[in-house]
Amino acid sequence: MNFILILTGVILNAIAQLVLKKGMSIIGSVQVDLSSIMSMLLKASTNIYIYLGLLCYVLSFFVWLMVLSRTEVSYAYPFLSIGYIIAAFVGYFYFGESMTLYKVGGIALICAGVFLLYRS
């Protein structure tokens, strides 16, 4: 049951990132100046993807609190790296982001590390 909770938290966190990315791709690039940030906040306040991303973050936060109440942080925390794998593949297939040999190698190392942690 703990592993299912961990995966649920990780997946919700990854979904939050991806949905926020979708929302920000609609809003556009934001510069580091007050008027640009204010414009982004106004646009974000009417963007359903931003709201969905925030909802997923809140849900993942509460799931993660349950995880931390039941498992050792040294066991649970490294599983967050599964989110990198999810984000890389969704980024590649949905957002058209690059998938280089280095990224694939990094994902393979993450998978190996998570497998070793799961087995311990």
PDB file of N, CA and C in Angstrom:
ATOM      1  N   MET A   1       0.817  -1.202   0.000  1.00  0.00           N
ATOM      2  CA  MET A   1       0.000   0.000   0.000  1.00  0.00           C
ATOM      3  C   MET A   1       0.862   1.269   0.000  1.00  0.00           C
ATOM      4  N   ASN A   2       1.985   1.243   0.721  1.00  0.00           N
ATOM      5  CA  ASN A   2       2.862   2.415   0.753  1.00  0.00           C
ATOM      6  C   ASN A   2       3.400   2.742  -0.633  1.00  0.00           C
ATOM      7  N   PHE A   3       3.760   1.691  -1.380  1.00  0.00           N
ATOM      8  CA  PHE A   3       4.304   1.916  -2.720  1.00  0.00           C
ATOM      9  C   PHE A   3       3.247   2.553  -3.626  1.00  0.00           C
ATOM     10  N   ILE A   4       1.999   2.132  -3.491  1.00  0.00           N
ATOM     11  CA  ILE A   4       0.906   2.713  -4.293  1.00  0.00           C
ATOM     12  C   ILE A   4       0.735   4.193  -3.939  1.00  0.00           C
ATOM     13  N   LEU A   5       0.795   4.519  -2.655  1.00  0.00           N
ATOM     14  CA  LEU A   5       0.692   5.926  -2.243  1.00  0.00           C
ATOM     15  C   LEU A   5       1.850   6.743  -2.800  1.00  0.00           C
ATOM     16  N   ILE A   6       3.048   6.183  -2.739  1.00  0.00           N
ATOM     17  CA  ILE A   6       4.222   6.883  -3.278  1.00  0.00           C
ATOM     18  C   ILE A   6       4.029   7.152  -4.760  1.00  0.00           C
ATOM     19  N   LEU A   7       3.639   6.132  -5.512  1.00  0.00           N
ATOM     20  CA  LEU A   7       3.428   6.313  -6.955  1.00  0.00           C
ATOM     21  C   LEU A   7       2.318   7.316  -7.242  1.00  0.00           C
ATOM     22  N   THR A   8       1.259   7.282  -6.447  1.00  0.00           N
ATOM     23  CA  THR A   8       0.165   8.241  -6.628  1.00  0.00           C
ATOM     24  C   THR A   8       0.667   9.663  -6.437  1.00  0.00           C
ATOM     25  N   GLY A   9       1.437   9.885  -5.372  1.00  0.00           N
ATOM     26  CA  GLY A   9       1.995  11.214  -5.134  1.00  0.00           C
ATOM     27  C   GLY A   9       2.919  11.663  -6.251  1.00  0.00           C
ATOM     28  N   VAL A  10       3.764  10.747  -6.727  1.00  0.00           N
ATOM     29  CA  VAL A  10       4.711  11.060  -7.794  1.00  0.00           C
ATOM     30  C   VAL A  10       3.969  11.389  -9.089  1.00  0.00           C
ATOM     31  N   ILE A  11       2.975  10.584  -9.418  1.00  0.00           N
ATOM     32  CA  ILE A  11       2.227  10.798 -10.659  1.00  0.00           C
ATOM     33  C   ILE A  11       1.449  12.109 -10.599  1.00  0.00           C
ATOM     34  N   LEU A  12       0.827  12.399  -9.455  1.00  0.00           N
ATOM     35  CA  LEU A  12       0.112  13.668  -9.316  1.00  0.00           C
ATOM     36  C   LEU A  12       1.064  14.857  -9.458  1.00  0.00           C
ATOM     37  N   ASN A  13       2.257  14.727  -8.888  1.00  0.00           N
ATOM     38  CA  ASN A  13       3.248  15.793  -8.989  1.00  0.00           C
ATOM     39  C   ASN A  13       3.685  15.986 -10.441  1.00  0.00           C
ATOM     40  N   ALA A  14       3.914  14.888 -11.141  1.00  0.00           N
ATOM     41  CA  ALA A  14       4.327  14.977 -12.547  1.00  0.00           C
ATOM     42  C   ALA A  14       3.205  15.564 -13.407  1.00  0.00           C
ATOM     43  N   ILE A  15       1.973  15.143 -13.150  1.00  0.00           N
ATOM     44  CA  ILE A  15       0.842  15.691 -13.896  1.00  0.00           C
ATOM     45  C   ILE A  15       0.741  17.193 -13.656  1.00  0.00           C
ATOM     46  N   ALA A  16       0.955  17.604 -12.402  1.00  0.00           N
ATOM     47  CA  ALA A  16       0.914  19.038 -12.084  1.00  0.00           C
ATOM     48  C   ALA A  16       1.912  19.800 -12.947  1.00  0.00           C
ATOM     49  N   GLN A  17       3.140  19.303 -13.031  1.00  0.00           N
ATOM     50  CA  GLN A  17       4.165  19.964 -13.838  1.00  0.00           C
ATOM     51  C   GLN A  17       3.746  20.058 -15.299  1.00  0.00           C
ATOM     52  N   LEU A  18       3.228  18.962 -15.823  1.00  0.00           N
ATOM     53  CA  LEU A  18       2.886  18.908 -17.241  1.00  0.00           C
ATOM     54  C   LEU A  18       1.681  19.787 -17.579  1.00  0.00           C
ATOM     55  N   VAL A  19       0.697  19.816 -16.696  1.00  0.00           N
ATOM     56  CA  VAL A  19      -0.474  20.651 -16.932  1.00  0.00           C
ATOM     57  C   VAL A  19      -0.107  22.134 -16.796  1.00  0.00           C
ATOM     58  N   LEU A  20       0.762  22.448 -15.824  1.00  0.00           N
ATOM     59  CA  LEU A  20       1.233  23.829 -15.704  1.00  0.00           C
ATOM     60  C   LEU A  20       2.029  24.235 -16.945  1.00  0.00           C
ATOM     61  N   LYS A  21       2.818  23.310 -17.483  1.00  0.00           N
ATOM     62  CA  LYS A  21       3.564  23.593 -18.717  1.00  0.00           C
ATOM     63  C   LYS A  21       2.592  23.910 -19.855  1.00  0.00           C
ATOM     64  N   LYS A  22       1.533  23.130 -19.956  1.00  0.00           N
ATOM     65  CA  LYS A  22       0.519  23.379 -20.988  1.00  0.00           C
ATOM     66  C   LYS A  22      -0.093  24.761 -20.793  1.00  0.00           C
ATOM     67  N   GLY A  23      -0.431  25.099 -19.550  1.00  0.00           N
ATOM     68  CA  GLY A  23      -1.005  26.410 -19.271  1.00  0.00           C
ATOM     69  C   GLY A  23      -0.059  27.539 -19.627  1.00  0.00           C
ATOM     70  N   MET A  24       1.205  27.375 -19.281  1.00  0.00           N
ATOM     71  CA  MET A  24       2.185  28.425 -19.573  1.00  0.00           C
ATOM     72  C   MET A  24       2.505  28.499 -21.061  1.00  0.00           C
ATOM     73  N   SER A  25       2.358  27.402 -21.782  1.00  0.00           N
ATOM     74  CA  SER A  25       2.579  27.478 -23.234  1.00  0.00           C
ATOM     75  C   SER A  25       1.468  28.299 -23.890  1.00  0.00           C
ATOM     76  N   ILE A  26       0.301  28.311 -23.275  1.00  0.00           N
ATOM     77  CA  ILE A  26      -0.794  29.156 -23.771  1.00  0.00           C
ATOM     78  C   ILE A  26      -0.526  30.615 -23.413  1.00  0.00           C
ATOM     79  N   ILE A  27      -0.054  30.845 -22.201  1.00  0.00           N
ATOM     80  CA  ILE A  27       0.210  32.210 -21.728  1.00  0.00           C
ATOM     81  C   ILE A  27       1.397  32.824 -22.459  1.00  0.00           C
ATOM     82  N   GLY A  28       2.431  32.055 -22.676  1.00  0.00           N
ATOM     83  CA  GLY A  28       3.610  32.553 -23.374  1.00  0.00           C
ATOM     84  C   GLY A  28       4.759  32.848 -22.427  1.00  0.00           C
ATOM     85  N   SER A  29       5.857  33.253 -22.992  1.00  0.00           N
ATOM     86  CA  SER A  29       7.074  33.528 -22.240  1.00  0.00           C
ATOM     87  C   SER A  29       6.883  34.737 -21.324  1.00  0.00           C
ATOM     88  N   VAL A  30       7.439  34.643 -20.117  1.00  0.00           N
ATOM     89  CA  VAL A  30       7.308  35.710 -19.137  1.00  0.00           C
ATOM     90  C   VAL A  30       8.695  36.285 -18.862  1.00  0.00           C
ATOM     91  N   GLN A  31       8.804  37.580 -18.972  1.00  0.00           N
ATOM     92  CA  GLN A  31      10.063  38.270 -18.677  1.00  0.00           C
ATOM     93  C   GLN A  31      10.121  38.593 -17.183  1.00  0.00           C
ATOM     94  N   VAL A  32      11.313  38.900 -16.703  1.00  0.00           N
ATOM     95  CA  VAL A  32      11.487  39.225 -15.287  1.00  0.00           C
ATOM     96  C   VAL A  32      11.381  40.731 -15.095  1.00  0.00           C
ATOM     97  N   ASP A  33      10.159  41.213 -15.242  1.00  0.00           N
ATOM     98  CA  ASP A  33       9.866  42.606 -14.917  1.00  0.00           C
ATOM     99  C   ASP A  33       8.427  42.656 -14.414  1.00  0.00           C
ATOM    100  N   LEU A  34       8.124  43.661 -13.644  1.00  0.00           N
ATOM    101  CA  LEU A  34       6.850  43.746 -12.943  1.00  0.00           C
ATOM    102  C   LEU A  34       5.650  43.701 -13.883  1.00  0.00           C
ATOM    103  N   SER A  35       5.696  44.423 -14.980  1.00  0.00           N
ATOM    104  CA  SER A  35       4.530  44.452 -15.876  1.00  0.00           C
ATOM    105  C   SER A  35       4.305  43.094 -16.537  1.00  0.00           C
ATOM    106  N   SER A  36       5.380  42.415 -16.900  1.00  0.00           N
ATOM    107  CA  SER A  36       5.262  41.095 -17.509  1.00  0.00           C
ATOM    108  C   SER A  36       4.716  40.075 -16.508  1.00  0.00           C
ATOM    109  N   ILE A  37       5.187  40.153 -15.271  1.00  0.00           N
ATOM    110  CA  ILE A  37       4.714  39.229 -14.231  1.00  0.00           C
ATOM    111  C   ILE A  37       3.240  39.490 -13.921  1.00  0.00           C
ATOM    112  N   MET A  38       2.858  40.738 -13.834  1.00  0.00           N
ATOM    113  CA  MET A  38       1.456  41.086 -13.575  1.00  0.00           C
ATOM    114  C   MET A  38       0.552  40.603 -14.716  1.00  0.00           C
ATOM    115  N   SER A  39       1.017  40.751 -15.946  1.00  0.00           N
ATOM    116  CA  SER A  39       0.267  40.268 -17.097  1.00  0.00           C
ATOM    117  C   SER A  39       0.112  38.746 -17.035  1.00  0.00           C
ATOM    118  N   MET A  40       1.200  38.056 -16.671  1.00  0.00           N
ATOM    119  CA  MET A  40       1.149  36.602 -16.557  1.00  0.00           C
ATOM    120  C   MET A  40       0.165  36.183 -15.472  1.00  0.00           C
ATOM    121  N   LEU A  41       0.171  36.864 -14.333  1.00  0.00           N
ATOM    122  CA  LEU A  41      -0.758  36.527 -13.246  1.00  0.00           C
ATOM    123  C   LEU A  41      -2.212  36.711 -13.680  1.00  0.00           C
ATOM    124  N   LEU A  42      -2.466  37.765 -14.418  1.00  0.00           N
ATOM    125  CA  LEU A  42      -3.824  38.005 -14.918  1.00  0.00           C
ATOM    126  C   LEU A  42      -4.245  36.889 -15.875  1.00  0.00           C
ATOM    127  N   LYS A  43      -3.370  36.543 -16.801  1.00  0.00           N
ATOM    128  CA  LYS A  43      -3.675  35.467 -17.751  1.00  0.00           C
ATOM    129  C   LYS A  43      -3.806  34.127 -17.032  1.00  0.00           C
ATOM    130  N   ALA A  44      -2.951  33.871 -16.046  1.00  0.00           N
ATOM    131  CA  ALA A  44      -2.994  32.612 -15.302  1.00  0.00           C
ATOM    132  C   ALA A  44      -4.285  32.478 -14.509  1.00  0.00           C
ATOM    133  N   SER A  45      -4.821  33.599 -14.056  1.00  0.00           N
ATOM    134  CA  SER A  45      -6.043  33.561 -13.250  1.00  0.00           C
ATOM    135  C   SER A  45      -7.262  33.108 -14.039  1.00  0.00           C
ATOM    136  N   THR A  46      -7.151  33.083 -15.361  1.00  0.00           N
ATOM    137  CA  THR A  46      -8.268  32.638 -16.201  1.00  0.00           C
ATOM    138  C   THR A  46      -7.922  31.386 -17.008  1.00  0.00           C
ATOM    139  N   ASN A  47      -6.823  30.732 -16.652  1.00  0.00           N
ATOM    140  CA  ASN A  47      -6.344  29.583 -17.418  1.00  0.00           C
ATOM    141  C   ASN A  47      -6.665  28.293 -16.663  1.00  0.00           C
ATOM    142  N   ILE A  48      -7.519  27.463 -17.250  1.00  0.00           N
ATOM    143  CA  ILE A  48      -7.955  26.226 -16.600  1.00  0.00           C
ATOM    144  C   ILE A  48      -6.788  25.284 -16.331  1.00  0.00           C
ATOM    145  N   TYR A  49      -5.787  25.284 -17.199  1.00  0.00           N
ATOM    146  CA  TYR A  49      -4.635  24.399 -17.000  1.00  0.00           C
ATOM    147  C   TYR A  49      -3.835  24.785 -15.753  1.00  0.00           C
ATOM    148  N   ILE A  50      -3.749  26.059 -15.481  1.00  0.00           N
ATOM    149  CA  ILE A  50      -3.060  26.514 -14.270  1.00  0.00           C
ATOM    150  C   ILE A  50      -3.824  26.022 -13.044  1.00  0.00           C
ATOM    151  N   TYR A  51      -5.138  26.151 -13.058  1.00  0.00           N
ATOM    152  CA  TYR A  51      -5.945  25.674 -11.933  1.00  0.00           C
ATOM    153  C   TYR A  51      -5.828  24.158 -11.755  1.00  0.00           C
ATOM    154  N   LEU A  52      -5.860  23.423 -12.864  1.00  0.00           N
ATOM    155  CA  LEU A  52      -5.721  21.962 -12.774  1.00  0.00           C
ATOM    156  C   LEU A  52      -4.345  21.573 -12.238  1.00  0.00           C
ATOM    157  N   GLY A  53      -3.314  22.284 -12.676  1.00  0.00           N
ATOM    158  CA  GLY A  53      -1.965  22.012 -12.176  1.00  0.00           C
ATOM    159  C   GLY A  53      -1.854  22.267 -10.686  1.00  0.00           C
ATOM    160  N   LEU A  54      -2.432  23.382 -10.234  1.00  0.00           N
ATOM    161  CA  LEU A  54      -2.408  23.686  -8.800  1.00  0.00           C
ATOM    162  C   LEU A  54      -3.198  22.651  -8.006  1.00  0.00           C
ATOM    163  N   LEU A  55      -4.334  22.201  -8.533  1.00  0.00           N
ATOM    164  CA  LEU A  55      -5.111  21.162  -7.870  1.00  0.00           C
ATOM    165  C   LEU A  55      -4.303  19.871  -7.733  1.00  0.00           C
ATOM    166  N   CYS A  56      -3.610  19.491  -8.799  1.00  0.00           N
ATOM    167  CA  CYS A  56      -2.778  18.286  -8.736  1.00  0.00           C
ATOM    168  C   CYS A  56      -1.657  18.448  -7.717  1.00  0.00           C
ATOM    169  N   TYR A  57      -1.081  19.630  -7.620  1.00  0.00           N
ATOM    170  CA  TYR A  57      -0.050  19.890  -6.608  1.00  0.00           C
ATOM    171  C   TYR A  57      -0.610  19.743  -5.200  1.00  0.00           C
ATOM    172  N   VAL A  58      -1.773  20.302  -4.962  1.00  0.00           N
ATOM    173  CA  VAL A  58      -2.372  20.204  -3.632  1.00  0.00           C
ATOM    174  C   VAL A  58      -2.667  18.750  -3.290  1.00  0.00           C
ATOM    175  N   LEU A  59      -3.240  18.015  -4.231  1.00  0.00           N
ATOM    176  CA  LEU A  59      -3.519  16.599  -3.992  1.00  0.00           C
ATOM    177  C   LEU A  59      -2.236  15.821  -3.741  1.00  0.00           C
ATOM    178  N   SER A  60      -1.199  16.097  -4.540  1.00  0.00           N
ATOM    179  CA  SER A  60       0.063  15.380  -4.349  1.00  0.00           C
ATOM    180  C   SER A  60       0.678  15.714  -2.988  1.00  0.00           C
ATOM    181  N   PHE A  61       0.498  16.947  -2.528  1.00  0.00           N
ATOM    182  CA  PHE A  61       0.996  17.355  -1.220  1.00  0.00           C
ATOM    183  C   PHE A  61       0.348  16.525  -0.112  1.00  0.00           C
ATOM    184  N   PHE A  62      -0.970  16.378  -0.155  1.00  0.00           N
ATOM    185  CA  PHE A  62      -1.653  15.613   0.878  1.00  0.00           C
ATOM    186  C   PHE A  62      -1.324  14.124   0.807  1.00  0.00           C
ATOM    187  N   VAL A  63      -1.204  13.590  -0.402  1.00  0.00           N
ATOM    188  CA  VAL A  63      -0.780  12.192  -0.547  1.00  0.00           C
ATOM    189  C   VAL A  63       0.633  12.023   0.007  1.00  0.00           C
ATOM    190  N   TRP A  64       1.501  12.999  -0.272  1.00  0.00           N
ATOM    191  CA  TRP A  64       2.885  12.901   0.202  1.00  0.00           C
ATOM    192  C   TRP A  64       2.944  12.967   1.723  1.00  0.00           C
ATOM    193  N   LEU A  65       2.083  13.749   2.346  1.00  0.00           N
ATOM    194  CA  LEU A  65       2.032  13.772   3.808  1.00  0.00           C
ATOM    195  C   LEU A  65       1.668  12.387   4.349  1.00  0.00           C
ATOM    196  N   MET A  66       0.738  11.702   3.680  1.00  0.00           N
ATOM    197  CA  MET A  66       0.389  10.336   4.094  1.00  0.00           C
ATOM    198  C   MET A  66       1.586   9.406   3.928  1.00  0.00           C
ATOM    199  N   VAL A  67       2.300   9.566   2.810  1.00  0.00           N
ATOM    200  CA  VAL A  67       3.486   8.736   2.569  1.00  0.00           C
ATOM    201  C   VAL A  67       4.504   8.937   3.678  1.00  0.00           C
ATOM    202  N   LEU A  68       4.787  10.196   4.002  1.00  0.00           N
ATOM    203  CA  LEU A  68       5.806  10.482   5.015  1.00  0.00           C
ATOM    204  C   LEU A  68       5.389  10.010   6.404  1.00  0.00           C
ATOM    205  N   SER A  69       4.099   9.901   6.650  1.00  0.00           N
ATOM    206  CA  SER A  69       3.641   9.398   7.943  1.00  0.00           C
ATOM    207  C   SER A  69       3.788   7.891   8.057  1.00  0.00           C
ATOM    208  N   ARG A  70       4.002   7.214   6.909  1.00  0.00           N
ATOM    209  CA  ARG A  70       4.011   5.746   6.898  1.00  0.00           C
ATOM    210  C   ARG A  70       5.351   5.120   6.544  1.00  0.00           C
ATOM    211  N   THR A  71       6.231   5.892   5.889  1.00  0.00           N
ATOM    212  CA  THR A  71       7.500   5.313   5.434  1.00  0.00           C
ATOM    213  C   THR A  71       8.671   6.204   5.812  1.00  0.00           C
ATOM    214  N   GLU A  72       9.846   5.652   5.673  1.00  0.00           N
ATOM    215  CA  GLU A  72      11.060   6.436   5.901  1.00  0.00           C
ATOM    216  C   GLU A  72      11.272   7.375   4.721  1.00  0.00           C
ATOM    217  N   VAL A  73      11.653   8.596   5.025  1.00  0.00           N
ATOM    218  CA  VAL A  73      11.879   9.583   3.968  1.00  0.00           C
ATOM    219  C   VAL A  73      13.026   9.137   3.057  1.00  0.00           C
ATOM    220  N   SER A  74      14.015   8.451   3.601  1.00  0.00           N
ATOM    221  CA  SER A  74      15.144   7.986   2.788  1.00  0.00           C
ATOM    222  C   SER A  74      14.713   6.918   1.789  1.00  0.00           C
ATOM    223  N   TYR A  75      13.577   6.275   2.031  1.00  0.00           N
ATOM    224  CA  TYR A  75      13.025   5.309   1.088  1.00  0.00           C
ATOM    225  C   TYR A  75      12.101   6.009   0.093  1.00  0.00           C
ATOM    226  N   ALA A  76      11.220   6.872   0.595  1.00  0.00           N
ATOM    227  CA  ALA A  76      10.184   7.459  -0.243  1.00  0.00           C
ATOM    228  C   ALA A  76      10.702   8.540  -1.184  1.00  0.00           C
ATOM    229  N   TYR A  77      11.551   9.409  -0.678  1.00  0.00           N
ATOM    230  CA  TYR A  77      11.951  10.592  -1.448  1.00  0.00           C
ATOM    231  C   TYR A  77      12.594  10.274  -2.800  1.00  0.00           C
ATOM    232  N   PRO A  78      13.497   9.308  -2.884  1.00  0.00           N
ATOM    233  CA  PRO A  78      14.093   9.033  -4.204  1.00  0.00           C
ATOM    234  C   PRO A  78      13.088   8.626  -5.276  1.00  0.00           C
ATOM    235  N   PHE A  79      11.918   8.128  -4.874  1.00  0.00           N
ATOM    236  CA  PHE A  79      10.915   7.759  -5.862  1.00  0.00           C
ATOM    237  C   PHE A  79      10.360   8.968  -6.606  1.00  0.00           C
ATOM    238  N   LEU A  80      10.555  10.165  -6.067  1.00  0.00           N
ATOM    239  CA  LEU A  80      10.127  11.362  -6.790  1.00  0.00           C
ATOM    240  C   LEU A  80      10.821  11.479  -8.142  1.00  0.00           C
ATOM    241  N   SER A  81      11.973  10.843  -8.277  1.00  0.00           N
ATOM    242  CA  SER A  81      12.692  10.907  -9.551  1.00  0.00           C
ATOM    243  C   SER A  81      11.932  10.210 -10.677  1.00  0.00           C
ATOM    244  N   ILE A  82      10.956   9.385 -10.337  1.00  0.00           N
ATOM    245  CA  ILE A  82      10.114   8.783 -11.377  1.00  0.00           C
ATOM    246  C   ILE A  82       9.385   9.887 -12.148  1.00  0.00           C
ATOM    247  N   GLY A  83       9.122  10.985 -11.473  1.00  0.00           N
ATOM    248  CA  GLY A  83       8.491  12.117 -12.142  1.00  0.00           C
ATOM    249  C   GLY A  83       9.319  12.643 -13.302  1.00  0.00           C
ATOM    250  N   TYR A  84      10.645  12.571 -13.185  1.00  0.00           N
ATOM    251  CA  TYR A  84      11.522  12.989 -14.290  1.00  0.00           C
ATOM    252  C   TYR A  84      11.279  12.115 -15.518  1.00  0.00           C
ATOM    253  N   ILE A  85      11.087  10.832 -15.286  1.00  0.00           N
ATOM    254  CA  ILE A  85      10.860   9.894 -16.387  1.00  0.00           C
ATOM    255  C   ILE A  85       9.538  10.221 -17.073  1.00  0.00           C
ATOM    256  N   ILE A  86       8.503  10.381 -16.265  1.00  0.00           N
ATOM    257  CA  ILE A  86       7.178  10.704 -16.815  1.00  0.00           C
ATOM    258  C   ILE A  86       7.241  12.009 -17.609  1.00  0.00           C
ATOM    259  N   ALA A  87       7.856  13.024 -17.010  1.00  0.00           N
ATOM    260  CA  ALA A  87       7.929  14.338 -17.663  1.00  0.00           C
ATOM    261  C   ALA A  87       8.723  14.273 -18.968  1.00  0.00           C
ATOM    262  N   ALA A  88       9.793  13.510 -18.979  1.00  0.00           N
ATOM    263  CA  ALA A  88      10.611  13.409 -20.193  1.00  0.00           C
ATOM    264  C   ALA A  88       9.823  12.774 -21.338  1.00  0.00           C
ATOM    265  N   PHE A  89       9.104  11.698 -21.039  1.00  0.00           N
ATOM    266  CA  PHE A  89       8.366  11.024 -22.101  1.00  0.00           C
ATOM    267  C   PHE A  89       7.148  11.821 -22.560  1.00  0.00           C
ATOM    268  N   VAL A  90       6.422  12.400 -21.634  1.00  0.00           N
ATOM    269  CA  VAL A  90       5.280  13.231 -22.027  1.00  0.00           C
ATOM    270  C   VAL A  90       5.778  14.470 -22.765  1.00  0.00           C
ATOM    271  N   GLY A  91       6.880  15.051 -22.282  1.00  0.00           N
ATOM    272  CA  GLY A  91       7.458  16.202 -22.968  1.00  0.00           C
ATOM    273  C   GLY A  91       7.827  15.861 -24.407  1.00  0.00           C
ATOM    274  N   TYR A  92       8.379  14.691 -24.602  1.00  0.00           N
ATOM    275  CA  TYR A  92       8.786  14.258 -25.944  1.00  0.00           C
ATOM    276  C   TYR A  92       7.567  14.009 -26.841  1.00  0.00           C
ATOM    277  N   PHE A  93       6.606  13.214 -26.339  1.00  0.00           N
ATOM    278  CA  PHE A  93       5.485  12.813 -27.177  1.00  0.00           C
ATOM    279  C   PHE A  93       4.404  13.891 -27.299  1.00  0.00           C
ATOM    280  N   TYR A  94       4.211  14.697 -26.261  1.00  0.00           N
ATOM    281  CA  TYR A  94       3.113  15.662 -26.279  1.00  0.00           C
ATOM    282  C   TYR A  94       3.563  17.082 -26.618  1.00  0.00           C
ATOM    283  N   PHE A  95       4.696  17.494 -26.063  1.00  0.00           N
ATOM    284  CA  PHE A  95       5.167  18.859 -26.281  1.00  0.00           C
ATOM    285  C   PHE A  95       6.225  18.956 -27.377  1.00  0.00           C
ATOM    286  N   GLY A  96       6.645  17.817 -27.930  1.00  0.00           N
ATOM    287  CA  GLY A  96       7.632  17.841 -29.003  1.00  0.00           C
ATOM    288  C   GLY A  96       9.031  18.210 -28.536  1.00  0.00           C
ATOM    289  N   GLU A  97       9.334  17.973 -27.258  1.00  0.00           N
ATOM    290  CA  GLU A  97      10.663  18.288 -26.740  1.00  0.00           C
ATOM    291  C   GLU A  97      11.669  17.233 -27.192  1.00  0.00           C
ATOM    292  N   SER A  98      12.935  17.577 -27.123  1.00  0.00           N
ATOM    293  CA  SER A  98      13.970  16.659 -27.616  1.00  0.00           C
ATOM    294  C   SER A  98      14.176  15.495 -26.647  1.00  0.00           C
ATOM    295  N   MET A  99      14.607  14.363 -27.215  1.00  0.00           N
ATOM    296  CA  MET A  99      14.963  13.186 -26.419  1.00  0.00           C
ATOM    297  C   MET A  99      16.333  12.732 -26.903  1.00  0.00           C
ATOM    298  N   THR A 100      17.360  13.226 -26.240  1.00  0.00           N
ATOM    299  CA  THR A 100      18.719  12.930 -26.650  1.00  0.00           C
ATOM    300  C   THR A 100      19.201  11.634 -26.015  1.00  0.00           C
ATOM    301  N   LEU A 101      20.326  11.162 -26.509  1.00  0.00           N
ATOM    302  CA  LEU A 101      20.927   9.961 -25.946  1.00  0.00           C
ATOM    303  C   LEU A 101      21.279  10.173 -24.473  1.00  0.00           C
ATOM    304  N   TYR A 102      21.711  11.375 -24.118  1.00  0.00           N
ATOM    305  CA  TYR A 102      22.023  11.675 -22.722  1.00  0.00           C
ATOM    306  C   TYR A 102      20.777  11.591 -21.842  1.00  0.00           C
ATOM    307  N   LYS A 103      19.659  12.074 -22.339  1.00  0.00           N
ATOM    308  CA  LYS A 103      18.417  11.984 -21.572  1.00  0.00           C
ATOM    309  C   LYS A 103      17.999  10.532 -21.383  1.00  0.00           C
ATOM    310  N   VAL A 104      18.087   9.748 -22.448  1.00  0.00           N
ATOM    311  CA  VAL A 104      17.732   8.334 -22.358  1.00  0.00           C
ATOM    312  C   VAL A 104      18.656   7.623 -21.365  1.00  0.00           C
ATOM    313  N   GLY A 105      19.936   7.934 -21.421  1.00  0.00           N
ATOM    314  CA  GLY A 105      20.882   7.346 -20.466  1.00  0.00           C
ATOM    315  C   GLY A 105      20.569   7.752 -19.036  1.00  0.00           C
ATOM    316  N   GLY A 106      20.227   9.012 -18.831  1.00  0.00           N
ATOM    317  CA  GLY A 106      19.859   9.484 -17.499  1.00  0.00           C
ATOM    318  C   GLY A 106      18.602   8.800 -16.992  1.00  0.00           C
ATOM    319  N   ILE A 107      17.632   8.619 -17.880  1.00  0.00           N
ATOM    320  CA  ILE A 107      16.396   7.930 -17.503  1.00  0.00           C
ATOM    321  C   ILE A 107      16.696   6.481 -17.131  1.00  0.00           C
ATOM    322  N   ALA A 108      17.584   5.840 -17.870  1.00  0.00           N
ATOM    323  CA  ALA A 108      17.963   4.459 -17.548  1.00  0.00           C
ATOM    324  C   ALA A 108      18.626   4.384 -16.175  1.00  0.00           C
ATOM    325  N   LEU A 109      19.486   5.340 -15.863  1.00  0.00           N
ATOM    326  CA  LEU A 109      20.123   5.358 -14.543  1.00  0.00           C
ATOM    327  C   LEU A 109      19.090   5.581 -13.437  1.00  0.00           C
ATOM    328  N   ILE A 110      18.146   6.470 -13.677  1.00  0.00           N
ATOM    329  CA  ILE A 110      17.090   6.709 -12.695  1.00  0.00           C
ATOM    330  C   ILE A 110      16.294   5.424 -12.465  1.00  0.00           C
ATOM    331  N   CYS A 111      15.933   4.751 -13.546  1.00  0.00           N
ATOM    332  CA  CYS A 111      15.173   3.499 -13.427  1.00  0.00           C
ATOM    333  C   CYS A 111      15.944   2.460 -12.620  1.00  0.00           C
ATOM    334  N   ALA A 112      17.242   2.348 -12.899  1.00  0.00           N
ATOM    335  CA  ALA A 112      18.064   1.393 -12.158  1.00  0.00           C
ATOM    336  C   ALA A 112      18.116   1.766 -10.680  1.00  0.00           C
ATOM    337  N   GLY A 113      18.280   3.031 -10.393  1.00  0.00           N
ATOM    338  CA  GLY A 113      18.339   3.467  -9.001  1.00  0.00           C
ATOM    339  C   GLY A 113      17.033   3.244  -8.255  1.00  0.00           C
ATOM    340  N   VAL A 114      15.922   3.553  -8.896  1.00  0.00           N
ATOM    341  CA  VAL A 114      14.617   3.331  -8.267  1.00  0.00           C
ATOM    342  C   VAL A 114      14.386   1.846  -8.049  1.00  0.00           C
ATOM    343  N   PHE A 115      14.782   1.025  -8.995  1.00  0.00           N
ATOM    344  CA  PHE A 115      14.636  -0.431  -8.839  1.00  0.00           C
ATOM    345  C   PHE A 115      15.447  -0.917  -7.644  1.00  0.00           C
ATOM    346  N   LEU A 116      16.677  -0.445  -7.506  1.00  0.00           N
ATOM    347  CA  LEU A 116      17.498  -0.857  -6.370  1.00  0.00           C
ATOM    348  C   LEU A 116      16.891  -0.410  -5.046  1.00  0.00           C
ATOM    349  N   LEU A 117      16.337   0.793  -5.008  1.00  0.00           N
ATOM    350  CA  LEU A 117      15.687   1.266  -3.785  1.00  0.00           C
ATOM    351  C   LEU A 117      14.459   0.425  -3.452  1.00  0.00           C
ATOM    352  N   TYR A 118      13.696   0.091  -4.470  1.00  0.00           N
ATOM    353  CA  TYR A 118      12.481  -0.710  -4.261  1.00  0.00           C
ATOM    354  C   TYR A 118      12.835  -2.084  -3.714  1.00  0.00           C
ATOM    355  N   ARG A 119      13.944  -2.626  -4.165  1.00  0.00           N
ATOM    356  CA  ARG A 119      14.363  -3.971  -3.738  1.00  0.00           C
ATOM    357  C   ARG A 119      14.944  -3.970  -2.323  1.00  0.00           C
ATOM    358  N   SER A 120      15.361  -2.802  -1.816  1.00  0.00           N
ATOM    359  CA  SER A 120      16.017  -2.787  -0.512  1.00  0.00           C
ATOM    360  C   SER A 120      15.043  -2.860   0.640  1.00  0.00           C
TER     361      SER A 120
END
